[in-house]
N, C-alpha and C. Protein backbone atom coordinates (compact mmCIF):
# COMPACT_ATOMS: atom_id res chain seq x y z
N MET A 1 -85.86 -56.21 -36.92
CA MET A 1 -85.32 -57.53 -37.08
C MET A 1 -85.66 -58.42 -35.86
N LEU A 2 -85.64 -57.86 -34.67
CA LEU A 2 -85.97 -58.64 -33.47
C LEU A 2 -87.41 -59.13 -33.53
N GLY A 3 -88.33 -58.22 -33.86
CA GLY A 3 -89.75 -58.59 -33.93
C GLY A 3 -90.00 -59.70 -34.92
N TRP A 4 -89.41 -59.59 -36.10
CA TRP A 4 -89.60 -60.62 -37.13
C TRP A 4 -89.02 -61.96 -36.65
N SER A 5 -87.79 -61.92 -36.11
CA SER A 5 -87.14 -63.16 -35.65
C SER A 5 -87.95 -63.86 -34.57
N LEU A 6 -88.39 -63.09 -33.58
CA LEU A 6 -89.16 -63.69 -32.49
C LEU A 6 -90.51 -64.21 -32.99
N THR A 7 -91.14 -63.46 -33.90
CA THR A 7 -92.44 -63.87 -34.44
C THR A 7 -92.32 -65.17 -35.21
N VAL A 8 -91.33 -65.27 -36.07
CA VAL A 8 -91.14 -66.48 -36.87
C VAL A 8 -90.85 -67.67 -35.96
N LEU A 9 -89.95 -67.49 -35.01
CA LEU A 9 -89.60 -68.59 -34.11
C LEU A 9 -90.79 -69.01 -33.26
N LEU A 10 -91.55 -68.04 -32.73
CA LEU A 10 -92.72 -68.38 -31.92
C LEU A 10 -93.76 -69.12 -32.76
N ARG A 11 -94.00 -68.64 -33.96
CA ARG A 11 -94.98 -69.30 -34.83
C ARG A 11 -94.57 -70.75 -35.11
N GLU A 12 -93.31 -70.94 -35.46
CA GLU A 12 -92.82 -72.29 -35.75
C GLU A 12 -92.81 -73.17 -34.50
N TRP A 13 -92.40 -72.58 -33.37
CA TRP A 13 -92.39 -73.33 -32.11
C TRP A 13 -93.82 -73.77 -31.77
N SER A 14 -94.77 -72.86 -31.89
CA SER A 14 -96.17 -73.17 -31.56
C SER A 14 -96.71 -74.29 -32.43
N ALA A 15 -96.42 -74.24 -33.71
CA ALA A 15 -96.89 -75.29 -34.63
C ALA A 15 -96.28 -76.64 -34.27
N ARG A 16 -95.02 -76.64 -33.92
CA ARG A 16 -94.33 -77.90 -33.59
C ARG A 16 -94.81 -78.46 -32.24
N VAL A 17 -95.05 -77.59 -31.28
CA VAL A 17 -95.56 -78.06 -29.99
C VAL A 17 -96.99 -78.57 -30.15
N GLU A 18 -97.76 -77.90 -30.98
CA GLU A 18 -99.12 -78.38 -31.27
C GLU A 18 -99.06 -79.79 -31.85
N ASP A 19 -98.16 -80.01 -32.78
CA ASP A 19 -98.01 -81.33 -33.38
C ASP A 19 -97.54 -82.36 -32.34
N ALA A 20 -96.59 -81.98 -31.50
CA ALA A 20 -96.05 -82.90 -30.49
C ALA A 20 -97.09 -83.28 -29.45
N SER A 21 -98.07 -82.39 -29.21
CA SER A 21 -99.07 -82.64 -28.17
C SER A 21 -100.43 -83.05 -28.74
N ARG A 22 -100.46 -83.40 -30.02
CA ARG A 22 -101.73 -83.69 -30.70
C ARG A 22 -102.49 -84.88 -30.09
N ASP A 23 -101.78 -85.80 -29.44
CA ASP A 23 -102.45 -86.98 -28.88
C ASP A 23 -103.12 -86.70 -27.53
N LEU A 24 -102.82 -85.55 -26.94
CA LEU A 24 -103.45 -85.20 -25.66
C LEU A 24 -104.82 -84.58 -25.90
N PRO A 25 -105.73 -84.78 -24.97
CA PRO A 25 -107.00 -84.06 -25.09
C PRO A 25 -106.73 -82.55 -25.12
N HIS A 26 -107.27 -81.88 -26.10
CA HIS A 26 -107.16 -80.43 -26.26
C HIS A 26 -105.75 -79.94 -26.59
N GLY A 27 -104.91 -80.82 -27.13
CA GLY A 27 -103.62 -80.41 -27.67
C GLY A 27 -102.73 -79.63 -26.73
N VAL A 28 -102.29 -78.45 -27.19
CA VAL A 28 -101.35 -77.63 -26.42
C VAL A 28 -101.93 -77.24 -25.07
N ARG A 29 -103.19 -76.86 -25.06
CA ARG A 29 -103.81 -76.48 -23.79
C ARG A 29 -103.78 -77.67 -22.83
N GLY A 30 -104.06 -78.85 -23.32
CA GLY A 30 -103.98 -80.04 -22.49
C GLY A 30 -102.56 -80.31 -22.00
N TYR A 31 -101.59 -80.06 -22.87
CA TYR A 31 -100.18 -80.22 -22.50
C TYR A 31 -99.83 -79.27 -21.36
N GLN A 32 -100.30 -78.04 -21.44
CA GLN A 32 -100.03 -77.07 -20.38
C GLN A 32 -100.67 -77.50 -19.06
N VAL A 33 -101.89 -78.00 -19.14
CA VAL A 33 -102.58 -78.45 -17.93
C VAL A 33 -101.84 -79.62 -17.31
N LEU A 34 -101.53 -80.64 -18.11
CA LEU A 34 -100.86 -81.82 -17.57
C LEU A 34 -99.48 -81.47 -17.04
N SER A 35 -98.76 -80.61 -17.73
CA SER A 35 -97.43 -80.20 -17.28
C SER A 35 -97.50 -79.48 -15.94
N ALA A 36 -98.46 -78.57 -15.80
CA ALA A 36 -98.60 -77.84 -14.53
C ALA A 36 -98.96 -78.79 -13.39
N VAL A 37 -99.81 -79.76 -13.67
CA VAL A 37 -100.24 -80.70 -12.63
C VAL A 37 -99.10 -81.62 -12.22
N VAL A 38 -98.28 -82.06 -13.18
CA VAL A 38 -97.19 -82.98 -12.88
C VAL A 38 -96.02 -82.28 -12.19
N HIS A 39 -95.69 -81.07 -12.64
CA HIS A 39 -94.46 -80.42 -12.19
C HIS A 39 -94.61 -79.55 -10.95
N GLU A 40 -95.81 -79.42 -10.43
CA GLU A 40 -96.02 -78.53 -9.29
C GLU A 40 -96.76 -79.26 -8.17
N THR A 41 -96.80 -78.61 -7.01
CA THR A 41 -97.62 -79.12 -5.92
C THR A 41 -99.04 -79.22 -6.45
N PRO A 42 -99.73 -80.32 -6.15
CA PRO A 42 -101.08 -80.47 -6.71
C PRO A 42 -101.95 -79.24 -6.46
N PRO A 43 -102.34 -78.57 -7.56
CA PRO A 43 -103.14 -77.36 -7.41
C PRO A 43 -104.61 -77.69 -7.21
N THR A 44 -105.34 -76.71 -6.73
CA THR A 44 -106.79 -76.85 -6.75
C THR A 44 -107.24 -76.56 -8.18
N GLN A 45 -108.45 -76.97 -8.47
CA GLN A 45 -108.99 -76.74 -9.81
C GLN A 45 -109.06 -75.23 -10.10
N ALA A 46 -109.52 -74.45 -9.14
CA ALA A 46 -109.64 -73.00 -9.33
C ALA A 46 -108.26 -72.35 -9.52
N ALA A 47 -107.29 -72.76 -8.72
CA ALA A 47 -105.95 -72.18 -8.83
C ALA A 47 -105.31 -72.53 -10.17
N LEU A 48 -105.51 -73.75 -10.63
CA LEU A 48 -104.97 -74.17 -11.93
C LEU A 48 -105.60 -73.35 -13.05
N ALA A 49 -106.89 -73.15 -13.00
CA ALA A 49 -107.58 -72.36 -14.02
C ALA A 49 -107.05 -70.93 -14.03
N ALA A 50 -106.91 -70.34 -12.85
CA ALA A 50 -106.42 -68.96 -12.76
C ALA A 50 -104.99 -68.85 -13.28
N ARG A 51 -104.16 -69.80 -12.90
CA ARG A 51 -102.74 -69.76 -13.29
C ARG A 51 -102.57 -69.84 -14.79
N LEU A 52 -103.37 -70.69 -15.44
CA LEU A 52 -103.22 -70.89 -16.88
C LEU A 52 -104.14 -69.98 -17.69
N GLY A 53 -104.93 -69.16 -17.01
CA GLY A 53 -105.80 -68.24 -17.73
C GLY A 53 -106.93 -68.93 -18.46
N ILE A 54 -107.44 -70.00 -17.85
CA ILE A 54 -108.52 -70.78 -18.45
C ILE A 54 -109.78 -70.54 -17.63
N ASP A 55 -110.87 -70.26 -18.31
CA ASP A 55 -112.15 -70.07 -17.63
C ASP A 55 -112.44 -71.29 -16.75
N ARG A 56 -112.96 -71.05 -15.55
CA ARG A 56 -113.20 -72.15 -14.60
C ARG A 56 -114.15 -73.20 -15.15
N THR A 57 -115.16 -72.77 -15.92
CA THR A 57 -116.10 -73.73 -16.51
C THR A 57 -115.40 -74.59 -17.54
N VAL A 58 -114.58 -73.96 -18.37
CA VAL A 58 -113.82 -74.71 -19.38
C VAL A 58 -112.86 -75.68 -18.70
N MET A 59 -112.23 -75.23 -17.61
CA MET A 59 -111.31 -76.09 -16.87
C MET A 59 -112.01 -77.35 -16.38
N THR A 60 -113.25 -77.23 -15.96
CA THR A 60 -114.01 -78.39 -15.50
C THR A 60 -114.10 -79.43 -16.62
N TYR A 61 -114.42 -78.99 -17.83
CA TYR A 61 -114.54 -79.91 -18.96
C TYR A 61 -113.19 -80.53 -19.33
N LEU A 62 -112.13 -79.71 -19.28
CA LEU A 62 -110.79 -80.23 -19.56
C LEU A 62 -110.42 -81.33 -18.56
N LEU A 63 -110.64 -81.04 -17.27
CA LEU A 63 -110.28 -82.02 -16.25
C LEU A 63 -111.14 -83.27 -16.32
N ASP A 64 -112.41 -83.12 -16.68
CA ASP A 64 -113.27 -84.29 -16.88
C ASP A 64 -112.66 -85.21 -17.94
N LYS A 65 -112.22 -84.61 -19.04
CA LYS A 65 -111.63 -85.37 -20.14
C LYS A 65 -110.34 -86.06 -19.70
N PHE A 66 -109.49 -85.32 -18.99
CA PHE A 66 -108.22 -85.89 -18.53
C PHE A 66 -108.45 -87.01 -17.52
N GLU A 67 -109.43 -86.81 -16.67
CA GLU A 67 -109.76 -87.86 -15.69
C GLU A 67 -110.29 -89.09 -16.40
N GLY A 68 -111.12 -88.89 -17.41
CA GLY A 68 -111.67 -90.00 -18.19
C GLY A 68 -110.60 -90.78 -18.94
N CYS A 69 -109.50 -90.12 -19.29
CA CYS A 69 -108.38 -90.77 -19.98
C CYS A 69 -107.38 -91.38 -19.00
N GLY A 70 -107.64 -91.23 -17.71
CA GLY A 70 -106.74 -91.79 -16.70
C GLY A 70 -105.45 -91.02 -16.53
N LEU A 71 -105.43 -89.73 -16.91
CA LEU A 71 -104.21 -88.93 -16.82
C LEU A 71 -104.07 -88.20 -15.48
N LEU A 72 -105.20 -87.93 -14.82
CA LEU A 72 -105.17 -87.26 -13.53
C LEU A 72 -106.40 -87.64 -12.73
N GLU A 73 -106.36 -87.26 -11.45
CA GLU A 73 -107.47 -87.51 -10.54
C GLU A 73 -107.75 -86.24 -9.75
N ARG A 74 -109.01 -86.11 -9.35
CA ARG A 74 -109.37 -85.04 -8.41
C ARG A 74 -109.46 -85.70 -7.04
N ARG A 75 -108.72 -85.14 -6.09
CA ARG A 75 -108.74 -85.69 -4.73
C ARG A 75 -109.15 -84.59 -3.76
N GLN A 76 -109.90 -85.00 -2.75
CA GLN A 76 -110.33 -84.04 -1.74
C GLN A 76 -109.11 -83.48 -1.02
N ASP A 77 -109.08 -82.18 -0.84
CA ASP A 77 -108.00 -81.51 -0.12
C ASP A 77 -108.19 -81.78 1.37
N PRO A 78 -107.22 -82.41 2.03
CA PRO A 78 -107.39 -82.71 3.45
C PRO A 78 -107.52 -81.45 4.32
N ALA A 79 -107.01 -80.32 3.83
CA ALA A 79 -107.08 -79.08 4.61
C ALA A 79 -108.40 -78.32 4.38
N ASP A 80 -109.10 -78.65 3.28
CA ASP A 80 -110.35 -77.95 2.95
C ASP A 80 -111.23 -78.92 2.18
N ARG A 81 -112.20 -79.49 2.85
CA ARG A 81 -113.04 -80.53 2.25
C ARG A 81 -113.83 -80.03 1.04
N ARG A 82 -113.98 -78.72 0.90
CA ARG A 82 -114.72 -78.17 -0.24
C ARG A 82 -113.86 -78.13 -1.50
N ALA A 83 -112.54 -78.18 -1.34
CA ALA A 83 -111.62 -78.06 -2.47
C ALA A 83 -111.16 -79.43 -2.96
N ARG A 84 -110.85 -79.49 -4.23
CA ARG A 84 -110.30 -80.70 -4.85
C ARG A 84 -108.91 -80.38 -5.38
N ARG A 85 -107.96 -81.24 -5.08
CA ARG A 85 -106.60 -81.13 -5.61
C ARG A 85 -106.52 -81.96 -6.89
N ILE A 86 -105.81 -81.44 -7.87
CA ILE A 86 -105.64 -82.12 -9.14
C ILE A 86 -104.30 -82.85 -9.08
N VAL A 87 -104.34 -84.17 -9.16
CA VAL A 87 -103.16 -85.01 -8.96
C VAL A 87 -102.93 -85.88 -10.20
N PRO A 88 -101.70 -85.92 -10.71
CA PRO A 88 -101.44 -86.76 -11.89
C PRO A 88 -101.42 -88.24 -11.50
N THR A 89 -101.83 -89.08 -12.42
CA THR A 89 -101.71 -90.52 -12.23
C THR A 89 -100.34 -90.95 -12.76
N ASP A 90 -99.95 -92.17 -12.48
CA ASP A 90 -98.69 -92.69 -13.05
C ASP A 90 -98.77 -92.67 -14.58
N HIS A 91 -99.93 -93.02 -15.11
CA HIS A 91 -100.13 -92.99 -16.56
C HIS A 91 -99.95 -91.56 -17.08
N GLY A 92 -100.51 -90.57 -16.37
CA GLY A 92 -100.36 -89.17 -16.76
C GLY A 92 -98.90 -88.73 -16.77
N ARG A 93 -98.15 -89.18 -15.78
CA ARG A 93 -96.71 -88.85 -15.73
C ARG A 93 -95.97 -89.46 -16.92
N ARG A 94 -96.30 -90.71 -17.26
CA ARG A 94 -95.64 -91.36 -18.41
C ARG A 94 -95.99 -90.64 -19.72
N VAL A 95 -97.26 -90.31 -19.88
CA VAL A 95 -97.69 -89.62 -21.10
C VAL A 95 -96.99 -88.27 -21.20
N LEU A 96 -96.92 -87.53 -20.10
CA LEU A 96 -96.25 -86.23 -20.14
C LEU A 96 -94.77 -86.40 -20.49
N ALA A 97 -94.11 -87.40 -19.96
CA ALA A 97 -92.70 -87.63 -20.29
C ALA A 97 -92.53 -87.87 -21.79
N GLU A 98 -93.46 -88.60 -22.39
CA GLU A 98 -93.40 -88.84 -23.84
C GLU A 98 -93.60 -87.54 -24.62
N VAL A 99 -94.57 -86.74 -24.21
CA VAL A 99 -94.83 -85.47 -24.90
C VAL A 99 -93.66 -84.51 -24.67
N ASP A 100 -93.13 -84.46 -23.46
CA ASP A 100 -91.96 -83.61 -23.19
C ASP A 100 -90.80 -83.98 -24.12
N ALA A 101 -90.59 -85.27 -24.33
CA ALA A 101 -89.50 -85.71 -25.22
C ALA A 101 -89.77 -85.26 -26.66
N ARG A 102 -91.03 -85.34 -27.10
CA ARG A 102 -91.36 -84.89 -28.46
C ARG A 102 -91.19 -83.38 -28.59
N VAL A 103 -91.55 -82.64 -27.55
CA VAL A 103 -91.38 -81.18 -27.57
C VAL A 103 -89.89 -80.84 -27.61
N ALA A 104 -89.08 -81.51 -26.80
CA ALA A 104 -87.63 -81.26 -26.81
C ALA A 104 -87.04 -81.54 -28.19
N GLN A 105 -87.48 -82.62 -28.81
CA GLN A 105 -87.01 -82.94 -30.16
C GLN A 105 -87.44 -81.86 -31.15
N ALA A 106 -88.68 -81.39 -31.03
CA ALA A 106 -89.18 -80.34 -31.91
C ALA A 106 -88.37 -79.05 -31.73
N GLU A 107 -88.02 -78.73 -30.49
CA GLU A 107 -87.23 -77.53 -30.23
C GLU A 107 -85.82 -77.68 -30.81
N ASP A 108 -85.25 -78.87 -30.67
CA ASP A 108 -83.93 -79.13 -31.27
C ASP A 108 -83.98 -78.97 -32.79
N GLU A 109 -85.04 -79.51 -33.40
CA GLU A 109 -85.18 -79.41 -34.85
C GLU A 109 -85.38 -77.95 -35.28
N LEU A 110 -86.12 -77.19 -34.50
CA LEU A 110 -86.37 -75.79 -34.82
C LEU A 110 -85.06 -75.01 -34.89
N LEU A 111 -84.14 -75.32 -34.00
CA LEU A 111 -82.87 -74.60 -33.95
C LEU A 111 -81.72 -75.39 -34.57
N SER A 112 -82.04 -76.37 -35.38
CA SER A 112 -81.02 -77.29 -35.92
C SER A 112 -80.01 -76.63 -36.84
N THR A 113 -80.32 -75.44 -37.37
CA THR A 113 -79.35 -74.76 -38.23
C THR A 113 -78.22 -74.11 -37.43
N LEU A 114 -78.38 -74.07 -36.12
CA LEU A 114 -77.35 -73.50 -35.25
C LEU A 114 -76.49 -74.61 -34.65
N PRO A 115 -75.19 -74.38 -34.54
CA PRO A 115 -74.35 -75.34 -33.81
C PRO A 115 -74.83 -75.44 -32.35
N SER A 116 -74.58 -76.57 -31.72
CA SER A 116 -75.11 -76.80 -30.37
C SER A 116 -74.68 -75.73 -29.37
N GLU A 117 -73.45 -75.25 -29.44
CA GLU A 117 -73.00 -74.21 -28.51
C GLU A 117 -73.76 -72.91 -28.75
N ASP A 118 -74.01 -72.58 -30.02
CA ASP A 118 -74.79 -71.38 -30.33
C ASP A 118 -76.22 -71.50 -29.81
N ARG A 119 -76.80 -72.70 -29.91
CA ARG A 119 -78.15 -72.93 -29.38
C ARG A 119 -78.18 -72.68 -27.88
N ARG A 120 -77.20 -73.24 -27.20
CA ARG A 120 -77.13 -73.08 -25.75
C ARG A 120 -77.03 -71.61 -25.37
N VAL A 121 -76.17 -70.87 -26.07
CA VAL A 121 -75.99 -69.44 -25.79
C VAL A 121 -77.27 -68.68 -26.13
N LEU A 122 -77.89 -68.97 -27.27
CA LEU A 122 -79.12 -68.29 -27.67
C LEU A 122 -80.20 -68.48 -26.61
N LEU A 123 -80.40 -69.71 -26.17
CA LEU A 123 -81.43 -69.98 -25.16
C LEU A 123 -81.13 -69.27 -23.85
N ALA A 124 -79.87 -69.25 -23.44
CA ALA A 124 -79.50 -68.56 -22.20
C ALA A 124 -79.74 -67.06 -22.33
N LEU A 125 -79.39 -66.48 -23.48
CA LEU A 125 -79.59 -65.04 -23.68
C LEU A 125 -81.08 -64.70 -23.74
N LEU A 126 -81.86 -65.52 -24.43
CA LEU A 126 -83.30 -65.27 -24.50
C LEU A 126 -83.94 -65.35 -23.12
N GLU A 127 -83.55 -66.34 -22.34
CA GLU A 127 -84.09 -66.48 -20.98
C GLU A 127 -83.71 -65.27 -20.13
N HIS A 128 -82.48 -64.83 -20.26
CA HIS A 128 -82.02 -63.66 -19.50
C HIS A 128 -82.80 -62.41 -19.92
N ALA A 129 -82.96 -62.21 -21.22
CA ALA A 129 -83.68 -61.04 -21.71
C ALA A 129 -85.15 -61.08 -21.28
N ALA A 130 -85.77 -62.26 -21.38
CA ALA A 130 -87.18 -62.39 -20.99
C ALA A 130 -87.36 -62.16 -19.50
N SER A 131 -86.45 -62.68 -18.69
CA SER A 131 -86.53 -62.48 -17.24
C SER A 131 -86.36 -61.01 -16.89
N GLY A 132 -85.51 -60.31 -17.63
CA GLY A 132 -85.32 -58.89 -17.39
C GLY A 132 -86.51 -58.06 -17.84
N ALA A 133 -87.14 -58.49 -18.93
CA ALA A 133 -88.29 -57.74 -19.46
C ALA A 133 -89.54 -57.95 -18.61
N ALA A 134 -89.67 -59.12 -18.00
CA ALA A 134 -90.85 -59.43 -17.19
C ALA A 134 -90.42 -60.15 -15.92
N PRO A 135 -89.75 -59.45 -15.01
CA PRO A 135 -89.25 -60.11 -13.80
C PRO A 135 -90.39 -60.70 -12.97
N GLY A 136 -90.18 -61.93 -12.54
CA GLY A 136 -91.16 -62.57 -11.68
C GLY A 136 -92.37 -63.13 -12.40
N GLU A 137 -92.43 -62.99 -13.71
CA GLU A 137 -93.60 -63.51 -14.43
C GLU A 137 -93.63 -65.03 -14.37
N ASP A 138 -94.81 -65.57 -14.19
CA ASP A 138 -95.03 -67.01 -14.16
C ASP A 138 -94.82 -67.56 -15.56
N ARG A 139 -93.82 -68.41 -15.73
CA ARG A 139 -93.46 -68.91 -17.06
C ARG A 139 -94.56 -69.74 -17.69
N CYS A 140 -95.17 -70.62 -16.92
CA CYS A 140 -96.25 -71.46 -17.47
C CYS A 140 -97.42 -70.60 -17.93
N ALA A 141 -97.79 -69.64 -17.12
CA ALA A 141 -98.91 -68.78 -17.47
C ALA A 141 -98.59 -67.95 -18.70
N ALA A 142 -97.35 -67.48 -18.82
CA ALA A 142 -96.96 -66.69 -19.99
C ALA A 142 -97.03 -67.54 -21.26
N VAL A 143 -96.55 -68.77 -21.19
CA VAL A 143 -96.60 -69.65 -22.35
C VAL A 143 -98.05 -69.97 -22.70
N ALA A 144 -98.87 -70.20 -21.69
CA ALA A 144 -100.29 -70.51 -21.94
C ALA A 144 -100.97 -69.34 -22.64
N ARG A 145 -100.71 -68.12 -22.18
CA ARG A 145 -101.31 -66.94 -22.83
C ARG A 145 -100.81 -66.80 -24.26
N SER A 146 -99.54 -67.00 -24.47
CA SER A 146 -98.95 -66.86 -25.79
C SER A 146 -99.50 -67.93 -26.74
N ALA A 147 -99.61 -69.15 -26.27
CA ALA A 147 -100.15 -70.22 -27.11
C ALA A 147 -101.59 -69.93 -27.49
N ALA A 148 -102.36 -69.40 -26.56
CA ALA A 148 -103.74 -69.06 -26.85
C ALA A 148 -103.82 -67.98 -27.92
N LEU A 149 -102.90 -67.00 -27.87
CA LEU A 149 -102.88 -65.94 -28.87
C LEU A 149 -102.50 -66.46 -30.24
N THR A 150 -101.50 -67.35 -30.31
CA THR A 150 -101.08 -67.85 -31.61
C THR A 150 -102.13 -68.78 -32.21
N GLN A 151 -102.94 -69.44 -31.39
CA GLN A 151 -103.99 -70.29 -31.92
C GLN A 151 -105.13 -69.45 -32.47
N GLU A 152 -105.33 -68.26 -31.91
CA GLU A 152 -106.40 -67.38 -32.39
C GLU A 152 -106.03 -66.72 -33.71
N ALA A 153 -104.72 -66.51 -33.92
CA ALA A 153 -104.25 -65.80 -35.12
C ALA A 153 -104.44 -66.62 -36.38
């Protein structure tokens, strides 16, 4: 029963997040890239690729597209002139806020058959169980890997 429940919810969540992020270059993968860039210390291109499990060559094309859309910039790292830091633009921050709101709405709709208190408890229990099953796992990287698997299926 656990496997079926988690599979159904993940499948539905993935489809809804894909729909919510459809306006971004490369959909869910683009959402993961923009989210990581906005919510963390500006990463280097190589570190971002490694963290999200994206081939470095593919990451170059993704970042080119995002830069062309005015969502982020590559800036020289003052500590290492050979490295480039990936920095969100104000436009990128606004776009991410809009997509985050659509994702939150999609998640609310996914669990809409549950009363709000039950939703809160379910999410807390799932987070606790996931943290216990994979202590210290990078959440963004785990979601990126999972999204890549569900897109392949």
